[in-house]
Each structure stands twice: as C-alpha cells, then as structure tokens.
Protein backbone atom coordinates (compact mmCIF):
# COMPACT_ATOMS: atom_id res chain seq x y z
CA MET A 1 4.41 13.82 -9.28
CA ILE A 2 0.79 15.16 -8.68
CA LEU A 3 -0.46 15.01 -5.15
CA SER A 4 -3.96 15.20 -3.93
CA ARG A 5 -5.02 17.96 -1.46
CA HIS A 6 -4.78 15.67 1.47
CA GLN A 7 -1.42 14.36 0.36
CA GLU A 8 0.11 17.84 0.04
CA GLU A 9 -1.12 18.34 3.66
CA VAL A 10 0.60 15.34 4.85
CA VAL A 11 3.77 16.07 3.06
CA ASN A 12 3.79 19.82 4.22
CA LYS A 13 3.29 18.44 7.76
CA LEU A 14 6.21 15.76 7.69
CA ARG A 15 8.73 17.95 5.83
CA SER A 16 8.17 20.84 8.36
CA SER A 17 8.67 18.50 11.27
CA ASP A 18 11.92 18.74 13.43
CA ALA A 19 11.71 15.00 14.33
CA GLN A 20 14.47 12.93 13.05
CA ILE A 21 12.25 9.96 12.54
CA ARG A 22 8.90 10.50 10.78
CA VAL A 23 6.10 7.56 10.48
CA LEU A 24 3.44 7.61 7.59
CA THR A 25 0.54 5.36 8.12
CA GLY A 26 -2.75 4.82 6.44
CA SER A 27 -5.21 2.36 5.08
CA ALA A 28 -4.33 0.36 1.86
CA GLY A 29 -4.80 2.29 -1.31
CA VAL A 30 -4.70 5.60 0.20
CA GLY A 31 -1.39 6.84 -1.48
CA LYS A 32 1.17 6.07 1.27
CA THR A 33 3.90 4.73 -0.97
CA TYR A 34 3.13 7.44 -3.66
CA THR A 35 3.38 10.08 -0.98
CA THR A 36 6.46 8.56 0.51
CA ALA A 37 8.55 8.61 -2.92
CA TYR A 38 7.36 12.30 -3.39
CA ILE A 39 8.75 13.06 0.19
CA ILE A 40 12.03 11.08 -0.56
CA LYS A 41 12.44 12.95 -3.92
CA LYS A 42 11.69 16.43 -2.35
CA GLU A 43 14.22 15.82 0.54
CA LEU A 44 17.05 14.63 -1.58
CA ASP A 45 16.42 17.73 -3.77
CA ALA A 46 16.91 19.81 -0.80
CA GLY A 47 20.27 18.34 -0.39
CA ARG A 48 19.36 16.26 2.78
CA ASN A 49 20.58 12.97 3.75
CA ILE A 50 18.07 10.51 4.62
CA ALA A 51 17.67 6.69 5.30
CA VAL A 52 14.41 5.21 4.03
CA THR A 53 13.75 1.79 5.62
CA SER A 54 10.70 -0.67 5.83
CA THR A 55 10.27 -3.71 8.01
CA THR A 56 9.84 -6.19 5.18
CA HIS A 57 11.68 -6.78 1.69
CA LYS A 58 8.45 -6.99 0.01
CA ALA A 59 7.61 -3.47 1.07
CA CYS A 60 11.16 -2.15 0.14
CA GLU A 61 10.54 -3.52 -3.27
CA VAL A 62 7.41 -1.72 -3.75
CA LEU A 63 8.70 1.44 -2.61
CA ASN A 64 11.80 1.10 -4.79
CA LYS A 65 9.77 0.51 -7.73
CA HIS A 66 7.80 3.80 -7.16
CA MET A 67 11.00 5.73 -6.65
CA ILE A 68 12.38 4.45 -9.99
CA ASP A 69 9.16 5.58 -11.71
CA ALA A 70 9.61 8.97 -9.94
CA ASP A 71 13.10 9.19 -11.26
CA VAL A 72 14.40 9.24 -7.53
CA ASP A 73 17.80 8.29 -6.87
CA GLY A 74 18.04 6.31 -3.67
CA GLU A 75 17.49 2.86 -2.31
CA VAL A 76 14.88 1.59 0.38
CA ARG A 77 16.35 -0.92 2.74
CA THR A 78 14.94 -2.88 5.72
CA ILE A 79 15.36 -1.63 9.09
CA HIS A 80 17.20 -4.52 10.30
CA SER A 81 19.86 -3.98 7.43
CA LEU A 82 20.75 -0.67 9.15
CA LEU A 83 21.06 -2.04 12.67
C-alpha cells in the first residue's frame, strides 16, 4: 500500500498515540478508508489486538472490502455489535 505524504503523517500520529480509542475524520474522497486499512494492517503486523468498528453496516462493508484488497486479516463490525 502506498500512502501520500499527508496520509503518512496521519498514520504516524495515530500509531504513536497512547489513546485506546482513535478517530479518523475527513471529507469524502480524502482516503480515510484506505488509510484506515493501512493502519489496521500495521497494527496487526505489530501483533496488537484491535477492534475496528463503524456506525453503519454499509461503512463496515466498504472497509472490509478495502481490507481484503490490502490482504488484511480481520473484520470490521458495527459499534452496536460490540456493546
């Protein structure tokens, strides 16, 4: 996966954070889903256990597709399914 310079900056900030919950926001088309799939891959490759959630089934489907395309082993679920 190849990131833009801005995406790399975002990834570095999010991955270096000690926060247990991290939120990525932005306008449509800026690469949030792609960047999220990249972060998930890096976190899993580092041996971390993570839960990835979204508020809608559609958003979960889109991110799951990006994860499959990036050869990332995991599943995105709705936040409600974890409650």
